[in-house]
Amino acid sequence: MKRLLALARGIDAITDCFAVLAKWAILAACAISTTNAVIRYSFDISSNAFLEVQWYLFAACVMFGAAQVLRVNEHVRVDIFYGMYPTRAKVLVDLAGLVLFLLPMTLFIAYSSLPVFVRMFVSQEMSSNSGGLIRWPAMLTIPLGLSLVALQGVSEIIKRAGWLMHVHEMDTHYERPLQ
């Protein structure tokens, strides 16, 4: 189990690196949006590329940040009873959700999006907008981001199994990230 927990720490480190990219993508998108607005209103000049690169950066932010949201246990839960469960029940519910829903769906969507990405990459598909950008970088965020979420799901499974086996400590309130 110690090796698996070391693997989980490694996955968490990868997730943290992509979370930094997501943070920079937010900053870059804000800077580009501001610059675009200033240039457009000051000089009456604009480009679709400015708008598209903002969308691409937003895609990077969402897809690269999703795994971090899972890692820090801040994802949305819809079970109204979850908050009343004791910690052990919460861990078991999380394990079931990770194994039965998160992993299958993220892997399926990541796998299904790969052919679209490859087609766009090979053909160097461009946006149909005047001055638009190539599309494959935005499309790459889907399989990559969902693969990161699946990988983080594996880490979360390992940490919760470790807690159930009494070899891994976690925050007693179970509202903070599992470390």
C-alpha atoms as a PDB file:
ATOM      1  CA  MET A   1       0.000   0.000   0.000  1.00  0.00           C
ATOM      2  CA  LYS A   2       2.942   2.334   0.609  1.00  0.00           C
ATOM      3  CA  ARG A   3       3.860   2.166  -3.067  1.00  0.00           C
ATOM      4  CA  LEU A   4       0.297   2.927  -4.077  1.00  0.00           C
ATOM      5  CA  LEU A   5       0.205   5.908  -1.719  1.00  0.00           C
ATOM      6  CA  ALA A   6       3.496   7.110  -3.241  1.00  0.00           C
ATOM      7  CA  LEU A   7       1.859   6.769  -6.673  1.00  0.00           C
ATOM      8  CA  ALA A   8      -1.091   8.819  -5.392  1.00  0.00           C
ATOM      9  CA  ARG A   9       1.311  11.545  -4.211  1.00  0.00           C
ATOM     10  CA  GLY A  10       2.940  11.531  -7.655  1.00  0.00           C
ATOM     11  CA  ILE A  11      -0.441  11.856  -9.360  1.00  0.00           C
ATOM     12  CA  ASP A  12      -1.320  14.699  -6.985  1.00  0.00           C
ATOM     13  CA  ALA A  13       1.922  16.463  -7.979  1.00  0.00           C
ATOM     14  CA  ILE A  14       1.031  16.137 -11.681  1.00  0.00           C
ATOM     15  CA  THR A  15      -2.429  17.502 -10.938  1.00  0.00           C
ATOM     16  CA  ASP A  16      -0.877  20.423  -9.067  1.00  0.00           C
ATOM     17  CA  CYS A  17       1.296  21.233 -12.118  1.00  0.00           C
ATOM     18  CA  PHE A  18      -1.701  21.312 -14.428  1.00  0.00           C
ATOM     19  CA  ALA A  19      -3.594  23.420 -11.871  1.00  0.00           C
ATOM     20  CA  VAL A  20      -0.818  26.005 -12.175  1.00  0.00           C
ATOM     21  CA  LEU A  21      -1.319  25.965 -15.958  1.00  0.00           C
ATOM     22  CA  ALA A  22      -5.043  26.488 -15.393  1.00  0.00           C
ATOM     23  CA  LYS A  23      -4.338  29.475 -13.140  1.00  0.00           C
ATOM     24  CA  TRP A  24      -2.049  31.019 -15.759  1.00  0.00           C
ATOM     25  CA  ALA A  25      -4.688  30.384 -18.415  1.00  0.00           C
ATOM     26  CA  ILE A  26      -7.159  32.445 -16.387  1.00  0.00           C
ATOM     27  CA  LEU A  27      -4.674  35.287 -16.066  1.00  0.00           C
ATOM     28  CA  ALA A  28      -3.810  35.160 -19.770  1.00  0.00           C
ATOM     29  CA  ALA A  29      -7.474  35.096 -20.787  1.00  0.00           C
ATOM     30  CA  CYS A  30      -8.192  38.137 -18.613  1.00  0.00           C
ATOM     31  CA  ALA A  31      -5.186  40.010 -20.017  1.00  0.00           C
ATOM     32  CA  ILE A  32      -6.143  39.196 -23.615  1.00  0.00           C
ATOM     33  CA  SER A  33      -9.769  40.139 -22.985  1.00  0.00           C
ATOM     34  CA  THR A  34      -8.751  43.475 -21.469  1.00  0.00           C
ATOM     35  CA  THR A  35      -6.262  44.211 -24.234  1.00  0.00           C
ATOM     36  CA  ASN A  36      -8.824  43.280 -26.882  1.00  0.00           C
ATOM     37  CA  ALA A  37     -11.445  45.571 -25.347  1.00  0.00           C
ATOM     38  CA  VAL A  38      -9.014  48.498 -25.041  1.00  0.00           C
ATOM     39  CA  ILE A  39      -7.786  48.121 -28.634  1.00  0.00           C
ATOM     40  CA  ARG A  40     -11.296  47.619 -30.004  1.00  0.00           C
ATOM     41  CA  TYR A  41     -12.782  50.660 -28.287  1.00  0.00           C
ATOM     42  CA  SER A  42      -9.705  52.883 -28.639  1.00  0.00           C
ATOM     43  CA  PHE A  43      -8.689  52.102 -32.199  1.00  0.00           C
ATOM     44  CA  ASP A  44     -11.742  50.318 -33.621  1.00  0.00           C
ATOM     45  CA  ILE A  45      -9.538  47.299 -34.437  1.00  0.00           C
ATOM     46  CA  SER A  46     -10.413  43.733 -33.516  1.00  0.00           C
ATOM     47  CA  SER A  47      -9.611  40.181 -34.486  1.00  0.00           C
ATOM     48  CA  ASN A  48     -11.468  36.917 -34.141  1.00  0.00           C
ATOM     49  CA  ALA A  49      -8.174  35.377 -33.070  1.00  0.00           C
ATOM     50  CA  PHE A  50      -8.355  37.367 -29.827  1.00  0.00           C
ATOM     51  CA  LEU A  51     -11.780  35.925 -29.075  1.00  0.00           C
ATOM     52  CA  GLU A  52     -10.809  32.394 -30.037  1.00  0.00           C
ATOM     53  CA  VAL A  53      -7.633  32.373 -27.982  1.00  0.00           C
ATOM     54  CA  GLN A  54      -9.738  33.417 -24.986  1.00  0.00           C
ATOM     55  CA  TRP A  55     -12.000  30.412 -25.610  1.00  0.00           C
ATOM     56  CA  TYR A  56      -8.958  28.150 -25.905  1.00  0.00           C
ATOM     57  CA  LEU A  57      -7.560  29.471 -22.641  1.00  0.00           C
ATOM     58  CA  PHE A  58     -10.936  28.994 -20.973  1.00  0.00           C
ATOM     59  CA  ALA A  59     -10.969  25.383 -22.221  1.00  0.00           C
ATOM     60  CA  ALA A  60      -7.495  24.889 -20.750  1.00  0.00           C
ATOM     61  CA  CYS A  61      -8.604  26.439 -17.479  1.00  0.00           C
ATOM     62  CA  VAL A  62     -11.647  24.195 -17.122  1.00  0.00           C
ATOM     63  CA  MET A  63     -10.102  20.971 -18.404  1.00  0.00           C
ATOM     64  CA  PHE A  64      -6.761  21.310 -16.596  1.00  0.00           C
ATOM     65  CA  GLY A  65      -8.339  22.611 -13.392  1.00  0.00           C
ATOM     66  CA  ALA A  66     -10.992  19.895 -13.082  1.00  0.00           C
ATOM     67  CA  ALA A  67      -8.575  17.326 -11.677  1.00  0.00           C
ATOM     68  CA  GLN A  68      -7.428  19.813  -9.034  1.00  0.00           C
ATOM     69  CA  VAL A  69     -11.031  20.454  -7.995  1.00  0.00           C
ATOM     70  CA  LEU A  70     -11.405  16.708  -7.454  1.00  0.00           C
ATOM     71  CA  ARG A  71      -8.067  16.551  -5.595  1.00  0.00           C
ATOM     72  CA  VAL A  72      -9.025  19.265  -3.118  1.00  0.00           C
ATOM     73  CA  ASN A  73     -12.483  17.718  -2.653  1.00  0.00           C
ATOM     74  CA  GLU A  74     -14.363  20.830  -3.806  1.00  0.00           C
ATOM     75  CA  HIS A  75     -16.413  19.218  -6.583  1.00  0.00           C
ATOM     76  CA  VAL A  76     -20.196  19.449  -6.637  1.00  0.00           C
ATOM     77  CA  ARG A  77     -22.173  16.821  -4.818  1.00  0.00           C
ATOM     78  CA  VAL A  78     -25.897  16.407  -5.343  1.00  0.00           C
ATOM     79  CA  ASP A  79     -26.662  13.897  -2.607  1.00  0.00           C
ATOM     80  CA  ILE A  80     -28.582  15.819   0.054  1.00  0.00           C
ATOM     81  CA  PHE A  81     -27.879  13.097   2.614  1.00  0.00           C
ATOM     82  CA  TYR A  82     -24.100  12.949   2.083  1.00  0.00           C
ATOM     83  CA  GLY A  83     -23.381  15.701   4.621  1.00  0.00           C
ATOM     84  CA  MET A  84     -25.138  13.734   7.369  1.00  0.00           C
ATOM     85  CA  TYR A  85     -23.147  10.532   6.782  1.00  0.00           C
ATOM     86  CA  PRO A  86     -20.372   9.485   9.122  1.00  0.00           C
ATOM     87  CA  THR A  87     -16.880   9.685   7.641  1.00  0.00           C
ATOM     88  CA  ARG A  88     -16.651   5.980   6.817  1.00  0.00           C
ATOM     89  CA  ALA A  89     -19.928   6.120   4.858  1.00  0.00           C
ATOM     90  CA  LYS A  90     -18.707   9.223   2.997  1.00  0.00           C
ATOM     91  CA  VAL A  91     -15.522   7.417   2.020  1.00  0.00           C
ATOM     92  CA  LEU A  92     -17.503   4.400   0.801  1.00  0.00           C
ATOM     93  CA  VAL A  93     -19.902   6.609  -1.195  1.00  0.00           C
ATOM     94  CA  ASP A  94     -16.915   8.419  -2.720  1.00  0.00           C
ATOM     95  CA  LEU A  95     -15.248   5.134  -3.626  1.00  0.00           C
ATOM     96  CA  ALA A  96     -18.395   3.862  -5.296  1.00  0.00           C
ATOM     97  CA  GLY A  97     -18.802   7.113  -7.227  1.00  0.00           C
ATOM     98  CA  LEU A  98     -15.178   7.146  -8.326  1.00  0.00           C
ATOM     99  CA  VAL A  99     -15.145   3.530  -9.463  1.00  0.00           C
ATOM    100  CA  LEU A 100     -18.641   3.242 -10.943  1.00  0.00           C
ATOM    101  CA  PHE A 101     -19.132   6.696 -12.462  1.00  0.00           C
ATOM    102  CA  LEU A 102     -16.098   8.969 -12.613  1.00  0.00           C
ATOM    103  CA  LEU A 103     -13.533   6.564 -14.065  1.00  0.00           C
ATOM    104  CA  PRO A 104     -15.772   4.942 -16.686  1.00  0.00           C
ATOM    105  CA  MET A 105     -17.185   8.257 -17.932  1.00  0.00           C
ATOM    106  CA  THR A 106     -13.936  10.206 -18.010  1.00  0.00           C
ATOM    107  CA  LEU A 107     -12.092   7.399 -19.763  1.00  0.00           C
ATOM    108  CA  PHE A 108     -14.939   6.882 -22.252  1.00  0.00           C
ATOM    109  CA  ILE A 109     -15.178  10.563 -23.157  1.00  0.00           C
ATOM    110  CA  ALA A 110     -11.384  10.956 -23.325  1.00  0.00           C
ATOM    111  CA  TYR A 111     -11.138   7.912 -25.586  1.00  0.00           C
ATOM    112  CA  SER A 112     -14.067   9.061 -27.739  1.00  0.00           C
ATOM    113  CA  SER A 113     -12.572  12.530 -28.213  1.00  0.00           C
ATOM    114  CA  LEU A 114      -9.189  11.236 -29.401  1.00  0.00           C
ATOM    115  CA  PRO A 115     -10.223  10.540 -33.029  1.00  0.00           C
ATOM    116  CA  VAL A 116     -11.662  14.041 -33.327  1.00  0.00           C
ATOM    117  CA  PHE A 117      -8.442  15.536 -31.973  1.00  0.00           C
ATOM    118  CA  VAL A 118      -6.319  13.416 -34.335  1.00  0.00           C
ATOM    119  CA  ARG A 119      -8.457  14.408 -37.329  1.00  0.00           C
ATOM    120  CA  MET A 120      -8.127  18.079 -36.439  1.00  0.00           C
ATOM    121  CA  PHE A 121      -4.393  17.757 -35.849  1.00  0.00           C
ATOM    122  CA  VAL A 122      -3.695  15.886 -39.094  1.00  0.00           C
ATOM    123  CA  SER A 123      -5.839  18.181 -41.215  1.00  0.00           C
ATOM    124  CA  GLN A 124      -4.719  21.317 -39.334  1.00  0.00           C
ATOM    125  CA  GLU A 125      -8.390  22.307 -39.264  1.00  0.00           C
ATOM    126  CA  MET A 126      -8.903  26.034 -38.960  1.00  0.00           C
ATOM    127  CA  SER A 127     -11.768  27.991 -37.503  1.00  0.00           C
ATOM    128  CA  SER A 128     -14.264  29.109 -40.105  1.00  0.00           C
ATOM    129  CA  ASN A 129     -14.131  32.636 -38.675  1.00  0.00           C
ATOM    130  CA  SER A 130     -12.093  35.253 -40.493  1.00  0.00           C
ATOM    131  CA  GLY A 131      -8.695  35.403 -38.801  1.00  0.00           C
ATOM    132  CA  GLY A 132      -9.531  32.282 -36.805  1.00  0.00           C
ATOM    133  CA  LEU A 133      -7.049  29.883 -35.271  1.00  0.00           C
ATOM    134  CA  ILE A 134      -6.264  26.209 -35.733  1.00  0.00           C
ATOM    135  CA  ARG A 135      -8.634  24.107 -33.657  1.00  0.00           C
ATOM    136  CA  TRP A 136      -6.601  21.151 -32.479  1.00  0.00           C
ATOM    137  CA  PRO A 137      -5.052  22.875 -29.424  1.00  0.00           C
ATOM    138  CA  ALA A 138      -8.512  23.476 -27.964  1.00  0.00           C
ATOM    139  CA  MET A 139      -9.606  19.943 -28.843  1.00  0.00           C
ATOM    140  CA  LEU A 140      -6.505  18.509 -27.140  1.00  0.00           C
ATOM    141  CA  THR A 141      -7.728  19.860 -23.815  1.00  0.00           C
ATOM    142  CA  ILE A 142     -10.653  17.403 -23.811  1.00  0.00           C
ATOM    143  CA  PRO A 143      -8.819  14.051 -23.872  1.00  0.00           C
ATOM    144  CA  LEU A 144      -5.924  15.446 -21.858  1.00  0.00           C
ATOM    145  CA  GLY A 145      -8.104  17.084 -19.215  1.00  0.00           C
ATOM    146  CA  LEU A 146     -10.392  14.089 -18.818  1.00  0.00           C
ATOM    147  CA  SER A 147      -7.392  11.754 -18.624  1.00  0.00           C
ATOM    148  CA  LEU A 148      -6.058  13.944 -15.818  1.00  0.00           C
ATOM    149  CA  VAL A 149      -9.400  13.703 -13.999  1.00  0.00           C
ATOM    150  CA  ALA A 150      -9.346   9.907 -14.411  1.00  0.00           C
ATOM    151  CA  LEU A 151      -5.764   9.789 -13.135  1.00  0.00           C
ATOM    152  CA  GLN A 152      -6.721  11.924 -10.154  1.00  0.00           C
ATOM    153  CA  GLY A 153      -9.662   9.582  -9.617  1.00  0.00           C
ATOM    154  CA  VAL A 154      -7.174   6.716  -9.286  1.00  0.00           C
ATOM    155  CA  SER A 155      -5.265   8.759  -6.715  1.00  0.00           C
ATOM    156  CA  GLU A 156      -8.452   9.431  -4.759  1.00  0.00           C
ATOM    157  CA  ILE A 157      -9.363   5.734  -4.837  1.00  0.00           C
ATOM    158  CA  ILE A 158      -5.924   4.828  -3.470  1.00  0.00           C
ATOM    159  CA  LYS A 159      -6.135   7.423  -0.684  1.00  0.00           C
ATOM    160  CA  ARG A 160      -9.623   6.375   0.371  1.00  0.00           C
ATOM    161  CA  ALA A 161      -8.704   2.684   0.303  1.00  0.00           C
ATOM    162  CA  GLY A 162      -5.645   3.552   2.399  1.00  0.00           C
ATOM    163  CA  TRP A 163      -7.853   5.348   4.893  1.00  0.00           C
ATOM    164  CA  LEU A 164     -10.223   2.379   5.094  1.00  0.00           C
ATOM    165  CA  MET A 165      -7.220   0.109   5.715  1.00  0.00           C
ATOM    166  CA  HIS A 166      -5.962   2.496   8.428  1.00  0.00           C
ATOM    167  CA  VAL A 167      -2.669   3.195   6.636  1.00  0.00           C
ATOM    168  CA  HIS A 168      -3.469   6.697   5.400  1.00  0.00           C
ATOM    169  CA  GLU A 169      -4.500   9.698   7.474  1.00  0.00           C
ATOM    170  CA  MET A 170      -6.997  12.262   6.276  1.00  0.00           C
ATOM    171  CA  ASP A 171      -8.620  15.349   7.672  1.00  0.00           C
ATOM    172  CA  THR A 172     -11.077  14.339  10.359  1.00  0.00           C
ATOM    173  CA  HIS A 173     -13.762  16.695   9.056  1.00  0.00           C
ATOM    174  CA  TYR A 174     -13.541  15.214   5.569  1.00  0.00           C
ATOM    175  CA  GLU A 175     -14.275  18.625   4.143  1.00  0.00           C
ATOM    176  CA  ARG A 176     -10.691  19.473   3.316  1.00  0.00           C
ATOM    177  CA  PRO A 177      -8.511  17.677   0.771  1.00  0.00           C
ATOM    178  CA  LEU A 178      -7.256  14.216   1.521  1.00  0.00           C
ATOM    179  CA  GLN A 179      -3.470  14.453   1.816  1.00  0.00           C
END
